[in-house]
C-alpha atoms as a PDB file:
ATOM      1  CA  MET A   1     107.774  78.107 113.194  1.00  0.00           C
ATOM      2  CA  ILE A   2     108.720  81.359 114.341  1.00  0.00           C
ATOM      3  CA  ASN A   3     112.147  81.166 117.078  1.00  0.00           C
ATOM      4  CA  VAL A   4     112.452  83.737 119.357  1.00  0.00           C
ATOM      5  CA  VAL A   5     115.597  85.275 120.593  1.00  0.00           C
ATOM      6  CA  LEU A   6     116.190  87.316 123.720  1.00  0.00           C
ATOM      7  CA  CYS A   7     119.284  89.350 123.855  1.00  0.00           C
ATOM      8  CA  ASP A   8     119.550  91.766 127.341  1.00  0.00           C
ATOM      9  CA  ASN A   9     121.951  92.530 130.011  1.00  0.00           C
ATOM     10  CA  SER A  10     119.738  91.371 132.555  1.00  0.00           C
ATOM     11  CA  THR A  11     119.222  87.670 132.928  1.00  0.00           C
ATOM     12  CA  SER A  12     116.056  87.984 135.403  1.00  0.00           C
ATOM     13  CA  TYR A  13     114.752  90.601 133.204  1.00  0.00           C
ATOM     14  CA  MET A  14     115.045  87.757 130.273  1.00  0.00           C
ATOM     15  CA  GLU A  15     113.603  85.445 131.977  1.00  0.00           C
ATOM     16  CA  LYS A  16     110.405  86.814 133.063  1.00  0.00           C
ATOM     17  CA  LEU A  17     109.794  88.093 129.532  1.00  0.00           C
ATOM     18  CA  LYS A  18     110.034  84.310 128.303  1.00  0.00           C
ATOM     19  CA  ILE A  19     107.272  83.358 130.790  1.00  0.00           C
ATOM     20  CA  SER A  20     104.876  86.222 129.667  1.00  0.00           C
ATOM     21  CA  ILE A  21     105.733  85.152 125.650  1.00  0.00           C
ATOM     22  CA  GLN A  22     105.571  81.109 126.580  1.00  0.00           C
ATOM     23  CA  GLU A  23     101.976  82.122 128.148  1.00  0.00           C
ATOM     24  CA  ILE A  24     100.973  84.201 125.055  1.00  0.00           C
ATOM     25  CA  ILE A  25     102.103  81.501 122.589  1.00  0.00           C
ATOM     26  CA  ASP A  26     100.412  78.849 124.764  1.00  0.00           C
ATOM     27  CA  TYR A  27      97.161  80.807 125.058  1.00  0.00           C
ATOM     28  CA  ASN A  28      96.854  81.466 121.367  1.00  0.00           C
ATOM     29  CA  GLY A  29      98.040  78.329 120.102  1.00  0.00           C
ATOM     30  CA  TYR A  30     100.914  80.151 117.964  1.00  0.00           C
ATOM     31  CA  ASN A  31     103.288  78.179 116.182  1.00  0.00           C
ATOM     32  CA  MET A  32     106.424  80.007 118.336  1.00  0.00           C
ATOM     33  CA  HIS A  33     109.428  78.756 120.711  1.00  0.00           C
ATOM     34  CA  VAL A  34     111.764  81.077 122.642  1.00  0.00           C
ATOM     35  CA  ALA A  35     115.127  79.167 121.660  1.00  0.00           C
ATOM     36  CA  MET A  36     117.268  81.300 123.248  1.00  0.00           C
ATOM     37  CA  LEU A  37     118.208  83.738 125.846  1.00  0.00           C
ATOM     38  CA  THR A  38     121.514  85.526 125.913  1.00  0.00           C
ATOM     39  CA  THR A  39     123.306  88.331 127.506  1.00  0.00           C
ATOM     40  CA  LYS A  40     125.990  88.220 124.730  1.00  0.00           C
ATOM     41  CA  THR A  41     125.458  89.524 121.335  1.00  0.00           C
ATOM     42  CA  SER A  42     128.469  87.225 120.011  1.00  0.00           C
ATOM     43  CA  GLN A  43     126.354  84.340 120.833  1.00  0.00           C
ATOM     44  CA  VAL A  44     123.213  85.609 118.836  1.00  0.00           C
ATOM     45  CA  LEU A  45     125.289  86.165 115.646  1.00  0.00           C
ATOM     46  CA  LYS A  46     126.639  82.193 116.401  1.00  0.00           C
ATOM     47  CA  TYR A  47     122.817  81.634 116.474  1.00  0.00           C
ATOM     48  CA  VAL A  48     122.216  83.389 113.278  1.00  0.00           C
ATOM     49  CA  GLU A  49     125.043  81.278 111.465  1.00  0.00           C
ATOM     50  CA  VAL A  50     123.644  78.122 111.831  1.00  0.00           C
ATOM     51  CA  LYS A  51     119.704  78.427 112.324  1.00  0.00           C
ATOM     52  CA  ASP A  52     117.632  78.740 109.206  1.00  0.00           C
ATOM     53  CA  GLY A  53     113.795  79.734 109.342  1.00  0.00           C
ATOM     54  CA  ILE A  54     112.072  82.407 110.623  1.00  0.00           C
ATOM     55  CA  THR A  55     113.354  84.345 113.829  1.00  0.00           C
ATOM     56  CA  LEU A  56     112.028  87.250 116.263  1.00  0.00           C
ATOM     57  CA  TYR A  57     114.396  88.693 117.819  1.00  0.00           C
ATOM     58  CA  ILE A  58     114.064  91.061 121.003  1.00  0.00           C
ATOM     59  CA  LEU A  59     117.240  93.261 121.504  1.00  0.00           C
ATOM     60  CA  ASP A  60     118.305  95.841 124.396  1.00  0.00           C
ATOM     61  CA  VAL A  61     119.842  99.071 122.534  1.00  0.00           C
ATOM     62  CA  VAL A  62     122.736  99.455 125.221  1.00  0.00           C
ATOM     63  CA  TYR A  63     125.267  97.000 126.477  1.00  0.00           C
ATOM     64  CA  PRO A  64     127.759  97.170 128.644  1.00  0.00           C
ATOM     65  CA  GLY A  65     130.648  99.149 127.042  1.00  0.00           C
ATOM     66  CA  ASN A  66     129.476 100.173 123.884  1.00  0.00           C
ATOM     67  CA  LYS A  67     126.053 102.163 123.814  1.00  0.00           C
ATOM     68  CA  LEU A  68     125.960 101.844 120.107  1.00  0.00           C
ATOM     69  CA  LEU A  69     126.348  97.949 120.134  1.00  0.00           C
ATOM     70  CA  GLY A  70     122.681  96.828 120.093  1.00  0.00           C
ATOM     71  CA  LEU A  71     122.149  99.013 116.775  1.00  0.00           C
ATOM     72  CA  GLN A  72     125.359  97.252 115.716  1.00  0.00           C
ATOM     73  CA  LEU A  73     123.922  93.903 116.252  1.00  0.00           C
ATOM     74  CA  ALA A  74     120.252  94.836 114.615  1.00  0.00           C
ATOM     75  CA  LYS A  75     121.961  96.071 111.821  1.00  0.00           C
ATOM     76  CA  THR A  76     124.131  92.899 111.060  1.00  0.00           C
ATOM     77  CA  LEU A  77     120.779  90.768 111.473  1.00  0.00           C
ATOM     78  CA  ARG A  78     118.975  92.384 109.142  1.00  0.00           C
ATOM     79  CA  GLN A  79     121.950  92.137 106.723  1.00  0.00           C
ATOM     80  CA  GLU A  80     121.856  88.462 107.292  1.00  0.00           C
ATOM     81  CA  ASN A  81     118.194  87.671 107.300  1.00  0.00           C
ATOM     82  CA  ARG A  82     115.708  90.260 105.558  1.00  0.00           C
ATOM     83  CA  ASN A  83     112.899  88.578 106.894  1.00  0.00           C
ATOM     84  CA  ALA A  84     113.767  88.513 110.349  1.00  0.00           C
ATOM     85  CA  TYR A  85     111.439  90.549 113.144  1.00  0.00           C
ATOM     86  CA  ILE A  86     113.767  92.519 115.492  1.00  0.00           C
ATOM     87  CA  VAL A  87     112.151  94.369 118.015  1.00  0.00           C
ATOM     88  CA  PHE A  88     114.136  96.638 120.593  1.00  0.00           C
ATOM     89  CA  ASN A  89     113.382  96.801 124.464  1.00  0.00           C
ATOM     90  CA  THR A  90     114.942  99.185 126.425  1.00  0.00           C
ATOM     91  CA  TYR A  91     115.336 101.638 129.282  1.00  0.00           C
ATOM     92  CA  ASP A  92     117.216 104.390 126.699  1.00  0.00           C
ATOM     93  CA  THR A  93     114.702 105.675 124.801  1.00  0.00           C
ATOM     94  CA  SER A  94     117.151 108.371 123.201  1.00  0.00           C
ATOM     95  CA  MET A  95     118.360 106.044 121.009  1.00  0.00           C
ATOM     96  CA  ILE A  96     114.798 105.566 119.214  1.00  0.00           C
ATOM     97  CA  HIS A  97     116.181 108.380 116.307  1.00  0.00           C
ATOM     98  CA  GLN A  98     119.337 105.872 115.374  1.00  0.00           C
ATOM     99  CA  VAL A  99     117.314 102.762 115.126  1.00  0.00           C
ATOM    100  CA  VAL A 100     114.763 104.834 112.589  1.00  0.00           C
ATOM    101  CA  LYS A 101     117.310 106.356 110.403  1.00  0.00           C
ATOM    102  CA  GLY A 102     119.379 103.083 110.763  1.00  0.00           C
ATOM    103  CA  LEU A 103     117.819 101.028 107.790  1.00  0.00           C
ATOM    104  CA  ILE A 104     116.917  98.378 110.480  1.00  0.00           C
ATOM    105  CA  ARG A 105     113.514  98.358 109.909  1.00  0.00           C
ATOM    106  CA  PRO A 106     112.258  97.135 113.551  1.00  0.00           C
ATOM    107  CA  ALA A 107     109.107  95.642 114.376  1.00  0.00           C
ATOM    108  CA  GLY A 108     108.866  97.527 117.190  1.00  0.00           C
ATOM    109  CA  PHE A 109     110.340 100.045 119.772  1.00  0.00           C
ATOM    110  CA  PHE A 110     109.265  99.321 123.416  1.00  0.00           C
ATOM    111  CA  THR A 111     110.781 100.841 126.866  1.00  0.00           C
ATOM    112  CA  LYS A 112     111.510  98.666 129.515  1.00  0.00           C
ATOM    113  CA  PRO A 113     109.241  96.706 131.092  1.00  0.00           C
ATOM    114  CA  ILE A 114     107.555  95.840 128.356  1.00  0.00           C
ATOM    115  CA  ASP A 115     103.442  96.307 128.662  1.00  0.00           C
ATOM    116  CA  ARG A 116     101.609  92.852 128.766  1.00  0.00           C
ATOM    117  CA  ASP A 117      99.148  94.210 126.358  1.00  0.00           C
ATOM    118  CA  ASP A 118     101.913  95.399 124.129  1.00  0.00           C
ATOM    119  CA  LEU A 119     103.368  92.182 123.893  1.00  0.00           C
ATOM    120  CA  ILE A 120     100.053  90.448 123.305  1.00  0.00           C
ATOM    121  CA  ILE A 121      99.813  92.302 120.427  1.00  0.00           C
ATOM    122  CA  LEU A 122     103.433  92.326 119.265  1.00  0.00           C
ATOM    123  CA  LEU A 123     103.240  88.660 119.016  1.00  0.00           C
ATOM    124  CA  GLY A 124      99.680  88.734 117.219  1.00  0.00           C
ATOM    125  CA  ASP A 125     101.053  91.119 114.525  1.00  0.00           C
ATOM    126  CA  ILE A 126     104.327  89.151 113.830  1.00  0.00           C
ATOM    127  CA  TYR A 127     102.343  86.418 113.810  1.00  0.00           C
ATOM    128  CA  ARG A 128      99.937  87.476 111.505  1.00  0.00           C
ATOM    129  CA  ASP A 129     102.226  88.329 109.012  1.00  0.00           C
ATOM    130  CA  TYR A 130     104.299  85.527 109.220  1.00  0.00           C
ATOM    131  CA  LEU A 131     101.180  83.384 108.681  1.00  0.00           C
ATOM    132  CA  ASN A 132     100.365  85.413 105.238  1.00  0.00           C
ATOM    133  CA  LEU A 133     103.942  85.132 104.041  1.00  0.00           C
ATOM    134  CA  GLN A 134     103.319  81.345 104.772  1.00  0.00           C
ATOM    135  CA  GLY A 135      99.420  80.982 103.460  1.00  0.00           C
ATOM    136  CA  ASP A 136     100.579  82.751 100.365  1.00  0.00           C
ATOM    137  CA  ARG A 137     100.443  79.016  98.498  1.00  0.00           C
ATOM    138  CA  ASP A 138      96.996  78.116 100.622  1.00  0.00           C
ATOM    139  CA  GLU A 139      95.501  81.899  98.984  1.00  0.00           C
ATOM    140  CA  ILE A 140      94.433  82.543 102.704  1.00  0.00           C
ATOM    141  CA  PHE A 141      94.536  86.453 104.334  1.00  0.00           C
ATOM    142  CA  HIS A 142      95.101  86.547 107.721  1.00  0.00           C
ATOM    143  CA  VAL A 143      94.309  89.456 110.066  1.00  0.00           C
ATOM    144  CA  ASN A 144      94.617  90.214 113.849  1.00  0.00           C
ATOM    145  CA  ILE A 145      92.148  91.869 116.107  1.00  0.00           C
ATOM    146  CA  GLY A 146      93.299  92.077 119.339  1.00  0.00           C
ATOM    147  CA  ALA A 147      95.084  88.827 120.327  1.00  0.00           C
ATOM    148  CA  SER A 148      92.553  86.612 117.845  1.00  0.00           C
ATOM    149  CA  ILE A 149      93.348  85.965 114.169  1.00  0.00           C
ATOM    150  CA  TYR A 150      90.817  85.403 111.639  1.00  0.00           C
ATOM    151  CA  LYS A 151      91.604  83.698 108.312  1.00  0.00           C
ATOM    152  CA  LEU A 152      90.180  84.665 105.089  1.00  0.00           C
ATOM    153  CA  PRO A 153      90.283  83.151 101.757  1.00  0.00           C
ATOM    154  CA  TYR A 154      91.404  85.788  99.097  1.00  0.00           C
ATOM    155  CA  HIS A 155      88.843  84.871  97.195  1.00  0.00           C
ATOM    156  CA  HIS A 156      85.712  86.114  99.379  1.00  0.00           C
ATOM    157  CA  ILE A 157      87.623  89.490  99.874  1.00  0.00           C
ATOM    158  CA  LEU A 158      86.480  92.221  97.627  1.00  0.00           C
ATOM    159  CA  TYR A 159      88.255  95.016  98.258  1.00  0.00           C
ATOM    160  CA  PHE A 160      90.505  96.633 101.065  1.00  0.00           C
ATOM    161  CA  GLU A 161      89.750 100.745 102.131  1.00  0.00           C
ATOM    162  CA  SER A 162      91.993 103.101 103.631  1.00  0.00           C
ATOM    163  CA  PHE A 163      89.849 105.264 106.091  1.00  0.00           C
ATOM    164  CA  GLN A 164      90.906 107.128 109.525  1.00  0.00           C
ATOM    165  CA  LYS A 165      94.430 105.508 109.728  1.00  0.00           C
ATOM    166  CA  LYS A 166      92.753 102.276 109.613  1.00  0.00           C
ATOM    167  CA  ILE A 167      92.423  99.179 106.776  1.00  0.00           C
ATOM    168  CA  TYR A 168      88.957  98.061 106.539  1.00  0.00           C
ATOM    169  CA  LEU A 169      88.548  94.628 104.481  1.00  0.00           C
ATOM    170  CA  HIS A 170      85.307  94.230 103.014  1.00  0.00           C
ATOM    171  CA  THR A 171      83.820  91.060 102.024  1.00  0.00           C
ATOM    172  CA  HIS A 172      80.095  90.751 101.053  1.00  0.00           C
ATOM    173  CA  ASN A 173      79.114  90.289 104.511  1.00  0.00           C
ATOM    174  CA  GLN A 174      81.845  91.476 106.218  1.00  0.00           C
ATOM    175  CA  ARG A 175      83.686  94.696 107.183  1.00  0.00           C
ATOM    176  CA  ILE A 176      86.771  93.921 109.571  1.00  0.00           C
ATOM    177  CA  GLY A 177      88.849  97.164 110.576  1.00  0.00           C
ATOM    178  CA  PHE A 178      92.715  96.771 111.474  1.00  0.00           C
ATOM    179  CA  TYR A 179      95.537  98.736 111.452  1.00  0.00           C
ATOM    180  CA  GLU A 180      97.987  98.534 108.406  1.00  0.00           C
ATOM    181  CA  SER A 181      98.762 100.468 105.289  1.00  0.00           C
ATOM    182  CA  LEU A 182      97.534  99.819 101.593  1.00  0.00           C
ATOM    183  CA  ALA A 183     101.251 100.224 100.777  1.00  0.00           C
ATOM    184  CA  ASN A 184     102.374  97.223 102.864  1.00  0.00           C
ATOM    185  CA  LEU A 185      99.488  95.025 101.865  1.00  0.00           C
ATOM    186  CA  LYS A 186     100.160  95.726  98.439  1.00  0.00           C
ATOM    187  CA  GLY A 187     103.411  93.886  99.119  1.00  0.00           C
ATOM    188  CA  ARG A 188     101.991  90.571 100.779  1.00  0.00           C
ATOM    189  CA  LEU A 189      98.718  90.274  98.433  1.00  0.00           C
ATOM    190  CA  SER A 190      98.305  88.085  95.154  1.00  0.00           C
ATOM    191  CA  PHE A 191      98.282  89.253  91.896  1.00  0.00           C
ATOM    192  CA  ASP A 192      94.409  89.168  91.823  1.00  0.00           C
ATOM    193  CA  PHE A 193      94.664  92.782  94.085  1.00  0.00           C
ATOM    194  CA  LEU A 194      95.072  96.386  92.317  1.00  0.00           C
ATOM    195  CA  ARG A 195      95.537  99.732  93.774  1.00  0.00           C
ATOM    196  CA  CYS A 196      93.338 101.768  91.741  1.00  0.00           C
ATOM    197  CA  HIS A 197      93.191 105.026  94.109  1.00  0.00           C
ATOM    198  CA  ARG A 198      95.173 105.902  96.975  1.00  0.00           C
ATOM    199  CA  SER A 199      92.166 104.578  99.437  1.00  0.00           C
ATOM    200  CA  TYR A 200      91.572 101.135  97.632  1.00  0.00           C
ATOM    201  CA  LEU A 201      92.804  98.001  96.942  1.00  0.00           C
ATOM    202  CA  VAL A 202      90.709  95.928  95.112  1.00  0.00           C
ATOM    203  CA  ASN A 203      90.477  92.093  93.893  1.00  0.00           C
ATOM    204  CA  VAL A 204      89.851  92.596  90.099  1.00  0.00           C
ATOM    205  CA  ASN A 205      87.896  89.293  89.863  1.00  0.00           C
ATOM    206  CA  LYS A 206      85.265  90.778  91.945  1.00  0.00           C
ATOM    207  CA  ILE A 207      84.779  93.977  89.445  1.00  0.00           C
ATOM    208  CA  LYS A 208      81.216  93.729  88.020  1.00  0.00           C
ATOM    209  CA  THR A 209      82.078  96.970  85.414  1.00  0.00           C
ATOM    210  CA  VAL A 210      84.047 100.151  85.260  1.00  0.00           C
ATOM    211  CA  SER A 211      83.627 103.225  83.602  1.00  0.00           C
ATOM    212  CA  PHE A 212      86.873 105.034  82.630  1.00  0.00           C
ATOM    213  CA  THR A 213      84.685 108.005  81.814  1.00  0.00           C
ATOM    214  CA  GLU A 214      83.236 108.223  85.153  1.00  0.00           C
ATOM    215  CA  MET A 215      86.129 107.041  86.882  1.00  0.00           C
ATOM    216  CA  ILE A 216      84.620 104.331  88.740  1.00  0.00           C
ATOM    217  CA  LEU A 217      84.092 101.128  89.172  1.00  0.00           C
ATOM    218  CA  VAL A 218      81.904  98.671  90.576  1.00  0.00           C
ATOM    219  CA  MET A 219      81.873  95.785  92.612  1.00  0.00           C
ATOM    220  CA  GLU A 220      80.022  92.553  93.281  1.00  0.00           C
ATOM    221  CA  ASN A 221      78.241  93.724  96.004  1.00  0.00           C
ATOM    222  CA  GLY A 222      77.379  96.924  94.260  1.00  0.00           C
ATOM    223  CA  ALA A 223      79.634  99.205  95.771  1.00  0.00           C
ATOM    224  CA  LYS A 224      81.056 101.883  93.935  1.00  0.00           C
ATOM    225  CA  ILE A 225      85.174 102.661  94.181  1.00  0.00           C
ATOM    226  CA  ASP A 226      86.800 105.638  92.858  1.00  0.00           C
ATOM    227  CA  VAL A 227      89.469 105.302  90.226  1.00  0.00           C
ATOM    228  CA  SER A 228      92.358 107.962  90.302  1.00  0.00           C
ATOM    229  CA  ARG A 229      94.076 108.806  87.167  1.00  0.00           C
ATOM    230  CA  THR A 230      97.485 107.627  89.092  1.00  0.00           C
ATOM    231  CA  TYR A 231      96.243 104.262  88.695  1.00  0.00           C
ATOM    232  CA  LYS A 232      93.823 104.121  85.603  1.00  0.00           C
ATOM    233  CA  GLN A 233      96.292 102.845  82.997  1.00  0.00           C
ATOM    234  CA  ALA A 234      97.003  99.893  85.247  1.00  0.00           C
ATOM    235  CA  LEU A 235      93.738  99.047  85.800  1.00  0.00           C
ATOM    236  CA  LYS A 236      92.702  99.381  82.216  1.00  0.00           C
ATOM    237  CA  SER A 237      95.546  97.031  81.178  1.00  0.00           C
ATOM    238  CA  ARG A 238      94.210  94.475  83.786  1.00  0.00           C
ATOM    239  CA  MET A 239      90.573  94.927  82.800  1.00  0.00           C
ATOM    240  CA  GLU A 240      91.672  94.395  78.992  1.00  0.00           C
ATOM    241  CA  ILE A 241      93.295  90.973  79.564  1.00  0.00           C
ATOM    242  CA  LEU A 242      90.106  90.031  82.001  1.00  0.00           C
ATOM    243  CA  ASP A 243      87.597  91.502  79.162  1.00  0.00           C
ATOM    244  CA  ILE A 244      86.012  93.740  81.704  1.00  0.00           C
ATOM    245  CA  CYS A 245      84.357  96.927  80.690  1.00  0.00           C
END
């Protein structure tokens, strides 16, 4: 389960945001729960001390008396839990450069009031990422298209292609596009997926043949994928293990 913690200067704003979040959770059947609403950053830190599991923190940047308090809180949360999701929701957009360079790795930065469509996409992205982390044991890849989340067994996936700022997942009979980067994908996927080119991540179990002379590999469905010199040796080593040539 993902626990959601809201920390903001305005109780009334948090109450409205909680209602919107709960409606999205209920509509999509997400395993998420709004666990805390507080105006005090100290309460968030106490929550961290006693609560295990995955948490989504939605924070303001500016709190009374200390313009950087939200950033300090976020840094502490990141140090305590590398897997926490941290989102900033604030009126003060001038602080975005501080957020980016602060090693906080936020999942989002939104101006108040957060748009409902943005909130739907945000929760969908976070929940998909959570499912992928939890689903490694089940060999399932989760991808969200809009507010919908699709489940695909890893062994159905042939390769991922990066094209015009989107990632396209290819199976024998599907091509699914979504926003992500190959670098982030590589960190989430199983050992079966290998980078062969800056634009491709392939399932090595779905490779039919490889030609290192022509720098081309052929997938089970006949698709021809370029191999770059950067990734040639790693691919060659894996192919020798699998006895594919």
